[in-house]
Every structure is written in structure tokens, then in C-alpha cells.
PDB file of all heavy atoms in Angstrom:
ATOM      1  N   LEU A   1      -8.362 -67.012  66.765  1.00  0.00           N
ATOM      2  CA  LEU A   1      -8.640 -67.892  65.634  1.00  0.00           C
ATOM      3  C   LEU A   1      -7.456 -68.609  65.059  1.00  0.00           C
ATOM      4  O   LEU A   1      -7.601 -69.665  64.472  1.00  0.00           O
ATOM      5  CB  LEU A   1      -9.274 -67.041  64.539  1.00  0.00           C
ATOM      6  CG  LEU A   1     -10.764 -66.708  64.790  1.00  0.00           C
ATOM      7  CD1 LEU A   1     -11.276 -65.665  63.737  1.00  0.00           C
ATOM      8  CD2 LEU A   1     -11.666 -67.909  64.757  1.00  0.00           C
ATOM      9  N   THR A   2      -6.266 -68.036  65.241  1.00  0.00           N
ATOM     10  CA  THR A   2      -5.079 -68.761  64.658  1.00  0.00           C
ATOM     11  C   THR A   2      -4.045 -69.104  65.745  1.00  0.00           C
ATOM     12  O   THR A   2      -3.005 -69.624  65.411  1.00  0.00           O
ATOM     13  CB  THR A   2      -4.397 -67.863  63.591  1.00  0.00           C
ATOM     14  OG1 THR A   2      -3.905 -66.662  64.226  1.00  0.00           O
ATOM     15  CG2 THR A   2      -5.314 -67.505  62.450  1.00  0.00           C
ATOM     16  N   GLY A   3      -4.408 -68.946  67.010  1.00  0.00           N
ATOM     17  CA  GLY A   3      -3.429 -69.310  68.006  1.00  0.00           C
ATOM     18  C   GLY A   3      -3.665 -68.600  69.343  1.00  0.00           C
ATOM     19  O   GLY A   3      -4.817 -68.282  69.756  1.00  0.00           O
ATOM     20  N   ASP A   4      -2.571 -68.247  70.008  1.00  0.00           N
ATOM     21  CA  ASP A   4      -2.678 -67.628  71.309  1.00  0.00           C
ATOM     22  C   ASP A   4      -2.664 -66.096  71.331  1.00  0.00           C
ATOM     23  O   ASP A   4      -2.563 -65.508  72.449  1.00  0.00           O
ATOM     24  CB  ASP A   4      -1.511 -68.167  72.206  1.00  0.00           C
ATOM     25  CG  ASP A   4      -0.109 -67.782  71.646  1.00  0.00           C
ATOM     26  OD1 ASP A   4      -0.037 -67.198  70.597  1.00  0.00           O
ATOM     27  OD2 ASP A   4       0.850 -68.196  72.292  1.00  0.00           O
ATOM     28  N   ARG A   5      -2.697 -65.492  70.155  1.00  0.00           N
ATOM     29  CA  ARG A   5      -2.708 -64.053  70.136  1.00  0.00           C
ATOM     30  C   ARG A   5      -3.621 -63.512  69.022  1.00  0.00           C
ATOM     31  O   ARG A   5      -3.895 -64.236  68.051  1.00  0.00           O
ATOM     32  CB  ARG A   5      -1.286 -63.451  69.974  1.00  0.00           C
ATOM     33  CG  ARG A   5      -0.626 -63.868  68.692  1.00  0.00           C
ATOM     34  CD  ARG A   5       0.834 -63.433  68.647  1.00  0.00           C
ATOM     35  NE  ARG A   5       1.505 -63.929  67.454  1.00  0.00           N
ATOM     36  CZ  ARG A   5       1.458 -63.370  66.276  1.00  0.00           C
ATOM     37  NH1 ARG A   5       0.722 -62.268  66.101  1.00  0.00           N
ATOM     38  NH2 ARG A   5       2.067 -63.880  65.210  1.00  0.00           N
ATOM     39  N   LEU A   6      -4.075 -62.291  69.148  1.00  0.00           N
ATOM     40  CA  LEU A   6      -4.942 -61.719  68.135  1.00  0.00           C
ATOM     41  C   LEU A   6      -4.223 -61.402  66.839  1.00  0.00           C
ATOM     42  O   LEU A   6      -3.034 -61.054  66.862  1.00  0.00           O
ATOM     43  CB  LEU A   6      -5.491 -60.396  68.704  1.00  0.00           C
ATOM     44  CG  LEU A   6      -6.412 -59.568  67.764  1.00  0.00           C
ATOM     45  CD1 LEU A   6      -7.567 -58.991  68.543  1.00  0.00           C
ATOM     46  CD2 LEU A   6      -5.631 -58.445  67.126  1.00  0.00           C
ATOM     47  N   THR A   7      -4.911 -61.661  65.733  1.00  0.00           N
ATOM     48  CA  THR A   7      -4.335 -61.309  64.417  1.00  0.00           C
ATOM     49  C   THR A   7      -5.494 -60.645  63.570  1.00  0.00           C
ATOM     50  O   THR A   7      -6.603 -60.450  64.074  1.00  0.00           O
ATOM     51  CB  THR A   7      -3.934 -62.610  63.648  1.00  0.00           C
ATOM     52  OG1 THR A   7      -5.102 -63.399  63.282  1.00  0.00           O
ATOM     53  CG2 THR A   7      -2.985 -63.447  64.495  1.00  0.00           C
ATOM     54  N   VAL A   8      -5.117 -60.295  62.335  1.00  0.00           N
ATOM     55  CA  VAL A   8      -6.203 -59.730  61.469  1.00  0.00           C
ATOM     56  C   VAL A   8      -7.413 -60.584  61.268  1.00  0.00           C
ATOM     57  O   VAL A   8      -8.461 -60.100  60.938  1.00  0.00           O
ATOM     58  CB  VAL A   8      -5.520 -59.337  60.037  1.00  0.00           C
ATOM     59  CG1 VAL A   8      -4.539 -58.262  60.222  1.00  0.00           C
ATOM     60  CG2 VAL A   8      -4.928 -60.563  59.397  1.00  0.00           C
ATOM     61  N   ALA A   9      -7.201 -61.866  61.416  1.00  0.00           N
ATOM     62  CA  ALA A   9      -8.399 -62.797  61.328  1.00  0.00           C
ATOM     63  C   ALA A   9      -9.441 -62.490  62.379  1.00  0.00           C
ATOM     64  O   ALA A   9     -10.630 -62.475  62.112  1.00  0.00           O
ATOM     65  CB  ALA A   9      -7.960 -64.237  61.370  1.00  0.00           C
ATOM     66  N   ASP A  10      -8.925 -62.238  63.566  1.00  0.00           N
ATOM     67  CA  ASP A  10      -9.824 -61.876  64.714  1.00  0.00           C
ATOM     68  C   ASP A  10     -10.461 -60.484  64.541  1.00  0.00           C
ATOM     69  O   ASP A  10     -11.629 -60.278  64.811  1.00  0.00           O
ATOM     70  CB  ASP A  10      -9.116 -61.914  66.030  1.00  0.00           C
ATOM     71  CG  ASP A  10      -8.501 -63.327  66.304  1.00  0.00           C
ATOM     72  OD1 ASP A  10      -9.278 -64.204  66.705  1.00  0.00           O
ATOM     73  OD2 ASP A  10      -7.254 -63.445  66.160  1.00  0.00           O
ATOM     74  N   ILE A  11      -9.696 -59.618  63.975  1.00  0.00           N
ATOM     75  CA  ILE A  11     -10.213 -58.220  63.701  1.00  0.00           C
ATOM     76  C   ILE A  11     -11.310 -58.270  62.687  1.00  0.00           C
ATOM     77  O   ILE A  11     -12.413 -57.726  62.879  1.00  0.00           O
ATOM     78  CB  ILE A  11      -9.053 -57.318  63.178  1.00  0.00           C
ATOM     79  CG1 ILE A  11      -8.115 -56.975  64.343  1.00  0.00           C
ATOM     80  CG2 ILE A  11      -9.567 -56.068  62.527  1.00  0.00           C
ATOM     81  CD1 ILE A  11      -6.907 -56.228  63.995  1.00  0.00           C
ATOM     82  N   THR A  12     -11.152 -59.046  61.593  1.00  0.00           N
ATOM     83  CA  THR A  12     -12.184 -59.209  60.591  1.00  0.00           C
ATOM     84  C   THR A  12     -13.426 -59.901  61.198  1.00  0.00           C
ATOM     85  O   THR A  12     -14.548 -59.490  60.958  1.00  0.00           O
ATOM     86  CB  THR A  12     -11.658 -60.027  59.420  1.00  0.00           C
ATOM     87  OG1 THR A  12     -10.550 -59.307  58.809  1.00  0.00           O
ATOM     88  CG2 THR A  12     -12.703 -60.175  58.342  1.00  0.00           C
ATOM     89  N   ALA A  13     -13.177 -60.869  62.005  1.00  0.00           N
ATOM     90  CA  ALA A  13     -14.296 -61.610  62.646  1.00  0.00           C
ATOM     91  C   ALA A  13     -15.094 -60.697  63.572  1.00  0.00           C
ATOM     92  O   ALA A  13     -16.318 -60.753  63.617  1.00  0.00           O
ATOM     93  CB  ALA A  13     -13.754 -62.843  63.397  1.00  0.00           C
ATOM     94  N   PHE A  14     -14.388 -59.890  64.351  1.00  0.00           N
ATOM     95  CA  PHE A  14     -15.088 -58.967  65.253  1.00  0.00           C
ATOM     96  C   PHE A  14     -15.968 -58.055  64.462  1.00  0.00           C
ATOM     97  O   PHE A  14     -17.174 -57.820  64.807  1.00  0.00           O
ATOM     98  CB  PHE A  14     -14.092 -58.108  66.008  1.00  0.00           C
ATOM     99  CG  PHE A  14     -14.720 -57.146  66.988  1.00  0.00           C
ATOM    100  CD1 PHE A  14     -15.122 -57.561  68.243  1.00  0.00           C
ATOM    101  CD2 PHE A  14     -14.901 -55.841  66.598  1.00  0.00           C
ATOM    102  CE1 PHE A  14     -15.749 -56.667  69.094  1.00  0.00           C
ATOM    103  CE2 PHE A  14     -15.566 -54.977  67.444  1.00  0.00           C
ATOM    104  CZ  PHE A  14     -15.948 -55.353  68.711  1.00  0.00           C
ATOM    105  N   ALA A  15     -15.501 -57.476  63.312  1.00  0.00           N
ATOM    106  CA  ALA A  15     -16.310 -56.633  62.540  1.00  0.00           C
ATOM    107  C   ALA A  15     -17.503 -57.398  61.941  1.00  0.00           C
ATOM    108  O   ALA A  15     -18.614 -56.848  61.808  1.00  0.00           O
ATOM    109  CB  ALA A  15     -15.479 -56.002  61.397  1.00  0.00           C
ATOM    110  N   GLY A  16     -17.237 -58.613  61.549  1.00  0.00           N
ATOM    111  CA  GLY A  16     -18.293 -59.461  61.010  1.00  0.00           C
ATOM    112  C   GLY A  16     -19.391 -59.751  61.950  1.00  0.00           C
ATOM    113  O   GLY A  16     -20.571 -59.651  61.598  1.00  0.00           O
ATOM    114  N   PHE A  17     -19.104 -60.047  63.175  1.00  0.00           N
ATOM    115  CA  PHE A  17     -20.101 -60.288  64.209  1.00  0.00           C
ATOM    116  C   PHE A  17     -20.864 -59.025  64.550  1.00  0.00           C
ATOM    117  O   PHE A  17     -22.107 -59.108  64.771  1.00  0.00           O
ATOM    118  CB  PHE A  17     -19.499 -60.905  65.442  1.00  0.00           C
ATOM    119  CG  PHE A  17     -19.276 -62.398  65.355  1.00  0.00           C
ATOM    120  CD1 PHE A  17     -18.039 -62.936  65.280  1.00  0.00           C
ATOM    121  CD2 PHE A  17     -20.391 -63.270  65.387  1.00  0.00           C
ATOM    122  CE1 PHE A  17     -17.848 -64.313  65.174  1.00  0.00           C
ATOM    123  CE2 PHE A  17     -20.227 -64.635  65.276  1.00  0.00           C
ATOM    124  CZ  PHE A  17     -18.922 -65.177  65.174  1.00  0.00           C
ATOM    125  N   ALA A  18     -20.209 -57.913  64.613  1.00  0.00           N
ATOM    126  CA  ALA A  18     -20.883 -56.644  64.870  1.00  0.00           C
ATOM    127  C   ALA A  18     -21.878 -56.340  63.761  1.00  0.00           C
ATOM    128  O   ALA A  18     -22.964 -55.850  64.027  1.00  0.00           O
ATOM    129  CB  ALA A  18     -19.849 -55.530  64.992  1.00  0.00           C
ATOM    130  N   PHE A  19     -21.480 -56.575  62.531  1.00  0.00           N
ATOM    131  CA  PHE A  19     -22.364 -56.396  61.395  1.00  0.00           C
ATOM    132  C   PHE A  19     -23.497 -57.298  61.457  1.00  0.00           C
ATOM    133  O   PHE A  19     -24.667 -56.947  61.145  1.00  0.00           O
ATOM    134  CB  PHE A  19     -21.554 -56.536  60.090  1.00  0.00           C
ATOM    135  CG  PHE A  19     -22.209 -55.979  58.877  1.00  0.00           C
ATOM    136  CD1 PHE A  19     -23.402 -55.340  58.924  1.00  0.00           C
ATOM    137  CD2 PHE A  19     -21.629 -56.160  57.574  1.00  0.00           C
ATOM    138  CE1 PHE A  19     -24.065 -54.838  57.780  1.00  0.00           C
ATOM    139  CE2 PHE A  19     -22.214 -55.660  56.456  1.00  0.00           C
ATOM    140  CZ  PHE A  19     -23.386 -54.974  56.528  1.00  0.00           C
ATOM    141  N   ALA A  20     -23.288 -58.577  61.830  1.00  0.00           N
ATOM    142  CA  ALA A  20     -24.350 -59.572  61.991  1.00  0.00           C
ATOM    143  C   ALA A  20     -25.376 -59.115  62.958  1.00  0.00           C
ATOM    144  O   ALA A  20     -26.576 -59.245  62.766  1.00  0.00           O
ATOM    145  CB  ALA A  20     -23.792 -60.955  62.345  1.00  0.00           C
ATOM    146  N   ASP A  21     -24.916 -58.609  64.124  1.00  0.00           N
ATOM    147  CA  ASP A  21     -25.795 -58.118  65.121  1.00  0.00           C
ATOM    148  C   ASP A  21     -26.696 -57.007  64.538  1.00  0.00           C
ATOM    149  O   ASP A  21     -27.884 -56.942  64.762  1.00  0.00           O
ATOM    150  CB  ASP A  21     -25.015 -57.608  66.370  1.00  0.00           C
ATOM    151  CG  ASP A  21     -24.370 -58.652  67.163  1.00  0.00           C
ATOM    152  OD1 ASP A  21     -24.760 -59.855  66.982  1.00  0.00           O
ATOM    153  OD2 ASP A  21     -23.465 -58.379  67.915  1.00  0.00           O
ATOM    154  N   PHE A  22     -26.030 -56.050  63.855  1.00  0.00           N
ATOM    155  CA  PHE A  22     -26.741 -54.942  63.237  1.00  0.00           C
ATOM    156  C   PHE A  22     -27.800 -55.420  62.206  1.00  0.00           C
ATOM    157  O   PHE A  22     -28.897 -54.831  62.114  1.00  0.00           O
ATOM    158  CB  PHE A  22     -25.783 -53.980  62.598  1.00  0.00           C
ATOM    159  CG  PHE A  22     -26.391 -52.774  61.956  1.00  0.00           C
ATOM    160  CD1 PHE A  22     -26.818 -51.712  62.668  1.00  0.00           C
ATOM    161  CD2 PHE A  22     -26.606 -52.742  60.543  1.00  0.00           C
ATOM    162  CE1 PHE A  22     -27.416 -50.615  62.101  1.00  0.00           C
ATOM    163  CE2 PHE A  22     -27.141 -51.666  59.934  1.00  0.00           C
ATOM    164  CZ  PHE A  22     -27.592 -50.578  60.703  1.00  0.00           C
ATOM    165  N   ALA A  23     -27.401 -56.435  61.445  1.00  0.00           N
ATOM    166  CA  ALA A  23     -28.288 -56.928  60.365  1.00  0.00           C
ATOM    167  C   ALA A  23     -29.354 -57.873  60.860  1.00  0.00           C
ATOM    168  O   ALA A  23     -30.223 -58.344  60.115  1.00  0.00           O
ATOM    169  CB  ALA A  23     -27.446 -57.639  59.340  1.00  0.00           C
ATOM    170  N   GLY A  24     -29.331 -58.199  62.171  1.00  0.00           N
ATOM    171  CA  GLY A  24     -30.416 -59.028  62.772  1.00  0.00           C
ATOM    172  C   GLY A  24     -30.106 -60.587  62.681  1.00  0.00           C
ATOM    173  O   GLY A  24     -30.991 -61.360  62.736  1.00  0.00           O
ATOM    174  N   ILE A  25     -28.782 -60.889  62.416  1.00  0.00           N
ATOM    175  CA  ILE A  25     -28.440 -62.314  62.452  1.00  0.00           C
ATOM    176  C   ILE A  25     -27.852 -62.650  63.765  1.00  0.00           C
ATOM    177  O   ILE A  25     -26.754 -62.271  64.146  1.00  0.00           O
ATOM    178  CB  ILE A  25     -27.423 -62.603  61.296  1.00  0.00           C
ATOM    179  CG1 ILE A  25     -27.904 -62.150  59.935  1.00  0.00           C
ATOM    180  CG2 ILE A  25     -26.991 -64.037  61.290  1.00  0.00           C
ATOM    181  CD1 ILE A  25     -26.954 -62.334  58.819  1.00  0.00           C
ATOM    182  N   GLU A  26     -28.589 -63.357  64.562  1.00  0.00           N
ATOM    183  CA  GLU A  26     -28.128 -63.768  65.934  1.00  0.00           C
ATOM    184  C   GLU A  26     -27.092 -64.892  65.874  1.00  0.00           C
ATOM    185  O   GLU A  26     -27.235 -65.779  65.094  1.00  0.00           O
ATOM    186  CB  GLU A  26     -29.320 -64.133  66.779  1.00  0.00           C
ATOM    187  CG  GLU A  26     -30.336 -63.072  66.985  1.00  0.00           C
ATOM    188  CD  GLU A  26     -31.457 -63.475  67.922  1.00  0.00           C
ATOM    189  OE1 GLU A  26     -31.426 -64.615  68.385  1.00  0.00           O
ATOM    190  OE2 GLU A  26     -32.372 -62.686  68.101  1.00  0.00           O
ATOM    191  N   THR A  27     -26.082 -64.715  66.720  1.00  0.00           N
ATOM    192  CA  THR A  27     -25.177 -65.792  66.887  1.00  0.00           C
ATOM    193  C   THR A  27     -25.829 -66.924  67.670  1.00  0.00           C
ATOM    194  O   THR A  27     -26.325 -66.683  68.746  1.00  0.00           O
ATOM    195  CB  THR A  27     -23.860 -65.315  67.666  1.00  0.00           C
ATOM    196  OG1 THR A  27     -23.302 -64.212  66.977  1.00  0.00           O
ATOM    197  CG2 THR A  27     -22.884 -66.411  67.808  1.00  0.00           C
ATOM    198  N   PRO A  28     -25.818 -68.147  67.146  1.00  0.00           N
ATOM    199  CA  PRO A  28     -26.449 -69.273  67.824  1.00  0.00           C
ATOM    200  C   PRO A  28     -25.895 -69.393  69.266  1.00  0.00           C
ATOM    201  O   PRO A  28     -24.691 -69.365  69.454  1.00  0.00           O
ATOM    202  CB  PRO A  28     -26.099 -70.436  66.958  1.00  0.00           C
ATOM    203  CG  PRO A  28     -25.947 -69.899  65.572  1.00  0.00           C
ATOM    204  CD  PRO A  28     -25.332 -68.535  65.803  1.00  0.00           C
ATOM    205  N   THR A  29     -26.766 -69.636  70.209  1.00  0.00           N
ATOM    206  CA  THR A  29     -26.359 -69.646  71.599  1.00  0.00           C
ATOM    207  C   THR A  29     -25.459 -70.841  71.942  1.00  0.00           C
ATOM    208  O   THR A  29     -24.727 -70.819  72.974  1.00  0.00           O
ATOM    209  CB  THR A  29     -27.587 -69.689  72.549  1.00  0.00           C
ATOM    210  OG1 THR A  29     -28.428 -70.738  72.177  1.00  0.00           O
ATOM    211  CG2 THR A  29     -28.381 -68.388  72.358  1.00  0.00           C
ATOM    212  N   HIS A  30     -25.522 -71.934  71.134  1.00  0.00           N
ATOM    213  CA  HIS A  30     -24.744 -73.116  71.464  1.00  0.00           C
ATOM    214  C   HIS A  30     -23.265 -72.975  71.069  1.00  0.00           C
ATOM    215  O   HIS A  30     -22.482 -73.788  71.430  1.00  0.00           O
ATOM    216  CB  HIS A  30     -25.327 -74.336  70.786  1.00  0.00           C
ATOM    217  CG  HIS A  30     -25.204 -74.303  69.291  1.00  0.00           C
ATOM    218  ND1 HIS A  30     -26.146 -73.705  68.468  1.00  0.00           N
ATOM    219  CD2 HIS A  30     -24.257 -74.858  68.420  1.00  0.00           C
ATOM    220  CE1 HIS A  30     -25.796 -73.855  67.251  1.00  0.00           C
ATOM    221  NE2 HIS A  30     -24.664 -74.526  67.169  1.00  0.00           N
ATOM    222  N   LEU A  31     -22.952 -71.840  70.412  1.00  0.00           N
ATOM    223  CA  LEU A  31     -21.512 -71.626  70.076  1.00  0.00           C
ATOM    224  C   LEU A  31     -20.747 -71.005  71.219  1.00  0.00           C
ATOM    225  O   LEU A  31     -20.469 -69.841  71.246  1.00  0.00           O
ATOM    226  CB  LEU A  31     -21.420 -70.734  68.816  1.00  0.00           C
ATOM    227  CG  LEU A  31     -22.143 -71.252  67.559  1.00  0.00           C
ATOM    228  CD1 LEU A  31     -21.988 -70.305  66.371  1.00  0.00           C
ATOM    229  CD2 LEU A  31     -21.662 -72.678  67.202  1.00  0.00           C
ATOM    230  N   LYS A  32     -20.500 -71.799  72.214  1.00  0.00           N
ATOM    231  CA  LYS A  32     -19.884 -71.322  73.478  1.00  0.00           C
ATOM    232  C   LYS A  32     -18.494 -70.816  73.307  1.00  0.00           C
ATOM    233  O   LYS A  32     -18.074 -69.852  73.975  1.00  0.00           O
ATOM    234  CB  LYS A  32     -19.890 -72.451  74.518  1.00  0.00           C
ATOM    235  CG  LYS A  32     -21.257 -73.058  74.771  1.00  0.00           C
ATOM    236  CD  LYS A  32     -22.235 -71.967  75.318  1.00  0.00           C
ATOM    237  CE  LYS A  32     -23.570 -72.623  75.709  1.00  0.00           C
ATOM    238  NZ  LYS A  32     -24.540 -71.632  76.157  1.00  0.00           N
TER     239      LYS A  32
END
């Protein structure tokens, strides 16, 4: 999210997407 290496922003995003999956919010398929 901020460049060529992982940061806390990516960590937060990973947790966010995992929570979205659990809550039934699907990631749109066009977001390649």
C-alpha cells in the first residue's frame, strides 16, 4: 500500500479484509 515493502498499513488492511469476509462483505471481483 505504501511502496515496495509491507508496513502497518498492509497489516491493518489484511485484518480488515479478513473481517469483511467474516461479516459477509465480498471483495468486488474487478479489484484485480
